[in-house]
Amino acid sequence: MEEHLASMKRHPEDKALTKTMINNYAKNKILPPPVGKRYNKNHMLILLLIYYYKSMLSLSDIRTVVDPLAENYFSLHSKPRLTDIYEEIFSFANGEMQSLVEDLEKKFQTANSSFSEQDPAFANLEESEREQLQSFSFLSLLAFDVYLKKQLMEKIVDRMEESQKKRKRKKK
């Protein structure tokens, strides 16, 4: 698992997943308990989802997202299988890559055109200062994008949680 996630780590010495993390996910009912002290393929898929979401969502939100998957599709005999769902979701990634690259290029160009020497307020900046401010501009554009998407993700999770609560009330 660590090897599979190695490319997603910021620093080589970072640990993608530790035994303690995995135990905490199981203890907090985000990850189904191991079967006979062993984790199967579906556990690994849930762990990948947790890893993917944990930088954007709270553990409580992640539980809201993965609970229905674990409840309905965790069995190795479920239809559809958790593997099918995982493959469907991550098949979108390749298609999204081109539009993401185009969006990043646009933001980069926007940032690089900021703090122009033609603007009297920034005319006296040294080149290194201008580059630093342009980097700040690019970072801010990216942060705003992430902020809006995170807000949207949280709204979706809130709706999922409300829907799950309604279903549980109906079952009672």
Protein backbone atom coordinates (compact mmCIF):
# COMPACT_ATOMS: atom_id res chain seq x y z
CA MET A 1 0.00 0.00 0.00
CA GLU A 2 2.81 2.38 0.92
CA GLU A 3 4.43 1.79 -2.48
CA HIS A 4 1.14 2.43 -4.28
CA LEU A 5 0.74 5.77 -2.51
CA ALA A 6 4.40 6.81 -2.70
CA SER A 7 3.85 9.16 -5.62
CA MET A 8 1.19 11.04 -3.65
CA LYS A 9 3.45 11.91 -0.72
CA ARG A 10 4.87 15.40 -0.46
CA HIS A 11 8.17 14.34 1.10
CA PRO A 12 9.88 10.96 0.67
CA GLU A 13 10.08 10.45 4.43
CA ASP A 14 6.31 10.96 4.88
CA LYS A 15 4.23 7.91 5.66
CA ALA A 16 1.10 7.55 3.57
CA LEU A 17 -0.53 5.12 5.98
CA THR A 18 0.68 3.75 9.27
CA LYS A 19 -0.58 0.82 11.32
CA THR A 20 -1.81 3.34 13.88
CA MET A 21 -3.80 5.23 11.24
CA ILE A 22 -5.36 2.02 9.95
CA ASN A 23 -6.24 0.91 13.48
CA ASN A 24 -7.79 4.32 14.19
CA TYR A 25 -9.86 4.15 11.01
CA ALA A 26 -11.13 0.72 12.05
CA LYS A 27 -11.73 1.82 15.66
CA ASN A 28 -13.68 4.88 14.46
CA LYS A 29 -15.73 2.67 12.11
CA ILE A 30 -14.47 4.37 8.97
CA LEU A 31 -12.81 1.15 7.86
CA PRO A 32 -14.65 -2.14 8.39
CA PRO A 33 -12.90 -4.38 10.90
CA PRO A 34 -10.41 -6.90 9.56
CA VAL A 35 -11.56 -10.41 8.83
CA GLY A 36 -9.58 -12.67 11.15
CA LYS A 37 -6.94 -9.96 11.72
CA ARG A 38 -6.43 -9.70 7.95
CA TYR A 39 -7.42 -6.97 5.56
CA ASN A 40 -8.77 -7.96 2.16
CA LYS A 41 -8.89 -6.17 -1.19
CA ASN A 42 -12.01 -4.23 -0.22
CA HIS A 43 -10.25 -2.95 2.89
CA MET A 44 -7.46 -1.70 0.65
CA LEU A 45 -9.95 0.08 -1.61
CA ILE A 46 -11.59 1.78 1.37
CA LEU A 47 -8.12 2.77 2.65
CA LEU A 48 -7.32 4.29 -0.74
CA LEU A 49 -10.53 6.31 -0.59
CA ILE A 50 -9.74 7.44 2.95
CA TYR A 51 -6.26 8.47 1.91
CA TYR A 52 -7.62 10.30 -1.11
CA TYR A 53 -10.22 12.23 0.89
CA LYS A 54 -8.38 12.85 4.14
CA SER A 55 -6.64 16.02 3.00
CA MET A 56 -9.98 17.55 2.01
CA LEU A 57 -12.59 16.19 4.38
CA SER A 58 -12.86 15.54 8.09
CA LEU A 59 -12.84 11.94 9.28
CA SER A 60 -16.51 12.33 10.16
CA ASP A 61 -17.25 13.41 6.59
CA ILE A 62 -15.19 10.54 5.22
CA ARG A 63 -17.21 8.13 7.35
CA THR A 64 -20.38 9.60 5.84
CA VAL A 65 -18.99 9.00 2.36
CA VAL A 66 -17.64 5.48 2.85
CA ASP A 67 -20.34 4.08 5.19
CA PRO A 68 -22.81 3.35 2.38
CA LEU A 69 -20.05 1.75 0.34
CA ALA A 70 -19.01 -0.45 3.24
CA GLU A 71 -22.61 -1.32 4.14
CA ASN A 72 -23.80 -2.13 0.63
CA TYR A 73 -20.78 -3.22 -1.39
CA PHE A 74 -18.12 -4.49 1.02
CA SER A 75 -19.05 -8.13 0.63
CA LEU A 76 -16.85 -9.85 -1.90
CA HIS A 77 -20.07 -11.16 -3.49
CA SER A 78 -21.94 -7.85 -3.74
CA LYS A 79 -23.26 -6.53 -7.03
CA PRO A 80 -21.78 -4.21 -8.05
CA ARG A 81 -18.51 -5.04 -6.37
CA LEU A 82 -16.55 -2.37 -4.55
CA THR A 83 -13.82 -2.90 -7.15
CA ASP A 84 -16.29 -1.99 -9.90
CA ILE A 85 -17.28 1.20 -8.09
CA TYR A 86 -13.65 2.15 -7.45
CA GLU A 87 -12.71 1.58 -11.09
CA GLU A 88 -15.70 3.59 -12.31
CA ILE A 89 -14.89 6.55 -10.08
CA PHE A 90 -11.19 6.64 -10.86
CA SER A 91 -11.74 6.12 -14.57
CA PHE A 92 -12.86 9.76 -14.62
CA ALA A 93 -9.41 10.92 -13.55
CA ASN A 94 -7.83 10.47 -16.97
CA GLY A 95 -10.63 12.38 -18.67
CA GLU A 96 -10.40 15.21 -16.18
CA MET A 97 -6.64 15.59 -16.50
CA GLN A 98 -6.70 17.60 -19.74
CA SER A 99 -9.23 20.15 -18.51
CA LEU A 100 -7.32 20.41 -15.23
CA VAL A 101 -4.06 21.10 -17.08
CA GLU A 102 -5.78 23.76 -19.20
CA ASP A 103 -7.25 25.39 -16.09
CA LEU A 104 -3.85 25.39 -14.38
CA GLU A 105 -2.21 26.93 -17.43
CA LYS A 106 -4.84 29.68 -17.49
CA LYS A 107 -4.36 30.41 -13.78
CA PHE A 108 -0.58 30.41 -14.23
CA GLN A 109 -0.83 32.90 -17.10
CA THR A 110 -3.19 35.07 -15.07
CA ALA A 111 -0.79 35.05 -12.13
CA ASN A 112 2.21 35.80 -14.34
CA SER A 113 0.45 38.81 -15.82
CA SER A 114 -0.27 40.20 -12.36
CA PHE A 115 1.87 42.86 -10.69
CA SER A 116 2.77 44.26 -14.09
CA GLU A 117 5.50 46.87 -14.35
CA GLN A 118 3.05 48.88 -16.49
CA ASP A 119 0.93 49.35 -13.37
CA PRO A 120 2.34 52.37 -11.49
CA ALA A 121 1.71 50.66 -8.15
CA PHE A 122 4.13 47.87 -9.09
CA ALA A 123 6.49 49.66 -11.49
CA ASN A 124 9.35 49.87 -9.00
CA LEU A 125 9.37 46.23 -7.96
CA GLU A 126 12.56 44.30 -8.42
CA GLU A 127 12.19 41.22 -10.60
CA SER A 128 12.60 38.85 -7.65
CA GLU A 129 9.83 40.68 -5.76
CA ARG A 130 7.57 40.56 -8.81
CA GLU A 131 8.19 36.82 -9.20
CA GLN A 132 7.44 36.25 -5.54
CA LEU A 133 4.19 38.21 -5.77
CA GLN A 134 3.25 36.35 -8.94
CA SER A 135 3.86 33.06 -7.14
CA PHE A 136 1.66 34.35 -4.34
CA SER A 137 -0.97 35.26 -6.92
CA PHE A 138 -0.85 31.78 -8.48
CA LEU A 139 -1.05 30.15 -5.06
CA SER A 140 -4.02 32.36 -4.17
CA LEU A 141 -5.84 31.46 -7.38
CA LEU A 142 -5.29 27.78 -6.64
CA ALA A 143 -6.36 28.21 -3.02
CA PHE A 144 -9.58 29.94 -4.04
CA ASP A 145 -10.35 27.11 -6.44
CA VAL A 146 -9.66 24.49 -3.77
CA TYR A 147 -11.68 26.46 -1.20
CA LEU A 148 -14.75 26.58 -3.45
CA LYS A 149 -14.48 22.90 -4.34
CA LYS A 150 -14.02 21.96 -0.69
CA GLN A 151 -17.13 23.96 0.20
CA LEU A 152 -19.06 22.12 -2.50
CA MET A 153 -17.73 18.76 -1.30
CA GLU A 154 -18.85 19.55 2.25
CA LYS A 155 -22.34 20.50 1.03
CA ILE A 156 -22.57 17.20 -0.86
CA VAL A 157 -21.46 15.29 2.23
CA ASP A 158 -24.04 17.17 4.32
CA ARG A 159 -26.77 16.10 1.89
CA MET A 160 -25.48 12.53 1.95
CA GLU A 161 -25.53 12.55 5.74
CA GLU A 162 -29.08 13.90 5.86
CA SER A 163 -30.20 11.30 3.35
CA GLN A 164 -28.59 8.53 5.40
CA LYS A 165 -30.32 9.78 8.55
CA LYS A 166 -33.70 9.78 6.77
CA ARG A 167 -33.15 6.21 5.56
CA LYS A 168 -32.25 5.07 9.07
CA ARG A 169 -35.36 6.74 10.52
CA LYS A 170 -37.54 4.99 7.93
CA LYS A 171 -36.03 1.62 8.84
CA LYS A 172 -37.04 2.08 12.48
